Amino acid sequence: MKVTIFSGDIADEIVLTSGMCTDVPPGVWHKFEALEDSDTIEIYWVTLDNNDIERRTTGGISTE
Protein backbone atom coordinates (compact mmCIF):
# COMPACT_ATOMS: atom_id res chain seq x y z
CA MET A 1 0.00 0.00 0.00
CA LYS A 2 1.45 3.34 -1.01
CA VAL A 3 0.39 6.26 1.17
CA THR A 4 0.95 9.77 -0.16
CA ILE A 5 0.77 12.63 2.34
CA PHE A 6 0.54 16.18 0.99
CA SER A 7 1.98 19.25 2.69
CA GLY A 8 1.51 22.29 0.50
CA ASP A 9 3.32 21.59 -2.78
CA ILE A 10 5.31 18.70 -1.28
CA ALA A 11 4.16 15.08 -1.45
CA ASP A 12 5.75 12.51 0.86
CA GLU A 13 5.25 8.84 -0.04
CA ILE A 14 5.65 5.74 2.10
CA VAL A 15 5.20 2.15 0.97
CA LEU A 16 3.70 -0.08 3.65
CA THR A 17 4.33 -3.81 3.64
CA SER A 18 2.69 -6.53 5.72
CA GLY A 19 2.43 -5.59 9.40
CA MET A 20 3.45 -1.95 8.93
CA CYS A 21 1.36 1.09 9.84
CA THR A 22 1.54 4.84 9.52
CA ASP A 23 -0.23 7.84 10.99
CA VAL A 24 -1.76 10.74 9.07
CA PRO A 25 -2.58 13.71 11.30
CA PRO A 26 -6.11 15.14 11.20
CA GLY A 27 -6.73 17.69 8.45
CA VAL A 28 -3.80 16.54 6.29
CA TRP A 29 -4.60 15.65 2.66
CA HIS A 30 -3.57 12.12 1.75
CA LYS A 31 -4.33 9.25 -0.61
CA PHE A 32 -3.89 5.47 -0.69
CA GLU A 33 -2.86 3.30 -3.61
CA ALA A 34 -2.89 -0.50 -3.46
CA LEU A 35 0.24 -1.77 -5.22
CA GLU A 36 -1.07 -5.35 -5.11
CA ASP A 37 -4.14 -7.18 -3.83
CA SER A 38 -4.25 -6.51 -0.10
CA ASP A 39 -6.42 -6.15 2.97
CA THR A 40 -6.05 -2.79 4.69
CA ILE A 41 -7.57 -1.46 7.89
CA GLU A 42 -8.10 2.29 8.10
CA ILE A 43 -8.90 3.61 11.57
CA TYR A 44 -10.37 7.03 12.33
CA TRP A 45 -10.60 8.59 15.76
CA VAL A 46 -11.74 11.93 17.09
CA THR A 47 -10.82 13.99 20.09
CA LEU A 48 -13.85 15.80 21.41
CA ASP A 49 -13.70 19.20 23.05
CA ASN A 50 -16.27 19.32 25.85
CA ASN A 51 -16.53 23.08 25.36
CA ASP A 52 -17.58 22.87 21.70
CA ILE A 53 -21.26 22.31 22.50
CA GLU A 54 -23.78 24.01 24.78
CA ARG A 55 -25.36 21.34 26.97
CA ARG A 56 -28.69 21.99 28.65
CA THR A 57 -28.77 18.63 30.42
CA THR A 58 -26.15 16.01 31.20
CA GLY A 59 -28.34 13.00 30.50
CA GLY A 60 -31.40 11.45 32.01
CA ILE A 61 -34.69 13.31 32.09
CA SER A 62 -34.68 17.07 31.62
CA THR A 63 -36.44 19.06 34.34
CA GLU A 64 -36.82 22.18 32.19
C-alpha atoms as a PDB file:
ATOM      1  CA  MET A   1       0.000   0.000   0.000  1.00  0.00           C
ATOM      2  CA  LYS A   2       1.448   3.338  -1.008  1.00  0.00           C
ATOM      3  CA  VAL A   3       0.388   6.265   1.171  1.00  0.00           C
ATOM      4  CA  THR A   4       0.954   9.775  -0.162  1.00  0.00           C
ATOM      5  CA  ILE A   5       0.766  12.634   2.338  1.00  0.00           C
ATOM      6  CA  PHE A   6       0.537  16.181   0.990  1.00  0.00           C
ATOM      7  CA  SER A   7       1.984  19.247   2.689  1.00  0.00           C
ATOM      8  CA  GLY A   8       1.510  22.295   0.503  1.00  0.00           C
ATOM      9  CA  ASP A   9       3.317  21.586  -2.782  1.00  0.00           C
ATOM     10  CA  ILE A  10       5.310  18.698  -1.277  1.00  0.00           C
ATOM     11  CA  ALA A  11       4.159  15.079  -1.453  1.00  0.00           C
ATOM     12  CA  ASP A  12       5.749  12.509   0.855  1.00  0.00           C
ATOM     13  CA  GLU A  13       5.249   8.841  -0.038  1.00  0.00           C
ATOM     14  CA  ILE A  14       5.654   5.742   2.102  1.00  0.00           C
ATOM     15  CA  VAL A  15       5.203   2.147   0.972  1.00  0.00           C
ATOM     16  CA  LEU A  16       3.703  -0.076   3.649  1.00  0.00           C
ATOM     17  CA  THR A  17       4.334  -3.810   3.641  1.00  0.00           C
ATOM     18  CA  SER A  18       2.691  -6.529   5.724  1.00  0.00           C
ATOM     19  CA  GLY A  19       2.431  -5.591   9.401  1.00  0.00           C
ATOM     20  CA  MET A  20       3.449  -1.947   8.930  1.00  0.00           C
ATOM     21  CA  CYS A  21       1.363   1.092   9.839  1.00  0.00           C
ATOM     22  CA  THR A  22       1.542   4.840   9.518  1.00  0.00           C
ATOM     23  CA  ASP A  23      -0.233   7.842  10.992  1.00  0.00           C
ATOM     24  CA  VAL A  24      -1.763  10.735   9.067  1.00  0.00           C
ATOM     25  CA  PRO A  25      -2.577  13.715  11.304  1.00  0.00           C
ATOM     26  CA  PRO A  26      -6.113  15.139  11.204  1.00  0.00           C
ATOM     27  CA  GLY A  27      -6.729  17.686   8.455  1.00  0.00           C
ATOM     28  CA  VAL A  28      -3.802  16.536   6.294  1.00  0.00           C
ATOM     29  CA  TRP A  29      -4.604  15.650   2.661  1.00  0.00           C
ATOM     30  CA  HIS A  30      -3.570  12.116   1.754  1.00  0.00           C
ATOM     31  CA  LYS A  31      -4.333   9.248  -0.605  1.00  0.00           C
ATOM     32  CA  PHE A  32      -3.890   5.472  -0.690  1.00  0.00           C
ATOM     33  CA  GLU A  33      -2.859   3.300  -3.615  1.00  0.00           C
ATOM     34  CA  ALA A  34      -2.893  -0.497  -3.461  1.00  0.00           C
ATOM     35  CA  LEU A  35       0.235  -1.766  -5.225  1.00  0.00           C
ATOM     36  CA  GLU A  36      -1.071  -5.346  -5.111  1.00  0.00           C
ATOM     37  CA  ASP A  37      -4.144  -7.179  -3.828  1.00  0.00           C
ATOM     38  CA  SER A  38      -4.253  -6.513  -0.100  1.00  0.00           C
ATOM     39  CA  ASP A  39      -6.422  -6.149   2.968  1.00  0.00           C
ATOM     40  CA  THR A  40      -6.053  -2.793   4.695  1.00  0.00           C
ATOM     41  CA  ILE A  41      -7.574  -1.455   7.887  1.00  0.00           C
ATOM     42  CA  GLU A  42      -8.101   2.291   8.103  1.00  0.00           C
ATOM     43  CA  ILE A  43      -8.903   3.613  11.572  1.00  0.00           C
ATOM     44  CA  TYR A  44     -10.367   7.027  12.334  1.00  0.00           C
ATOM     45  CA  TRP A  45     -10.601   8.588  15.757  1.00  0.00           C
ATOM     46  CA  VAL A  46     -11.737  11.933  17.086  1.00  0.00           C
ATOM     47  CA  THR A  47     -10.816  13.988  20.088  1.00  0.00           C
ATOM     48  CA  LEU A  48     -13.850  15.798  21.412  1.00  0.00           C
ATOM     49  CA  ASP A  49     -13.700  19.201  23.048  1.00  0.00           C
ATOM     50  CA  ASN A  50     -16.269  19.323  25.853  1.00  0.00           C
ATOM     51  CA  ASN A  51     -16.534  23.083  25.361  1.00  0.00           C
ATOM     52  CA  ASP A  52     -17.584  22.868  21.705  1.00  0.00           C
ATOM     53  CA  ILE A  53     -21.264  22.309  22.498  1.00  0.00           C
ATOM     54  CA  GLU A  54     -23.781  24.006  24.776  1.00  0.00           C
ATOM     55  CA  ARG A  55     -25.364  21.336  26.970  1.00  0.00           C
ATOM     56  CA  ARG A  56     -28.694  21.991  28.647  1.00  0.00           C
ATOM     57  CA  THR A  57     -28.767  18.629  30.415  1.00  0.00           C
ATOM     58  CA  THR A  58     -26.149  16.007  31.203  1.00  0.00           C
ATOM     59  CA  GLY A  59     -28.337  12.997  30.504  1.00  0.00           C
ATOM     60  CA  GLY A  60     -31.403  11.452  32.011  1.00  0.00           C
ATOM     61  CA  ILE A  61     -34.694  13.315  32.095  1.00  0.00           C
ATOM     62  CA  SER A  62     -34.676  17.071  31.615  1.00  0.00           C
ATOM     63  CA  THR A  63     -36.442  19.058  34.342  1.00  0.00           C
ATOM     64  CA  GLU A  64     -36.821  22.176  32.194  1.00  0.00           C
END
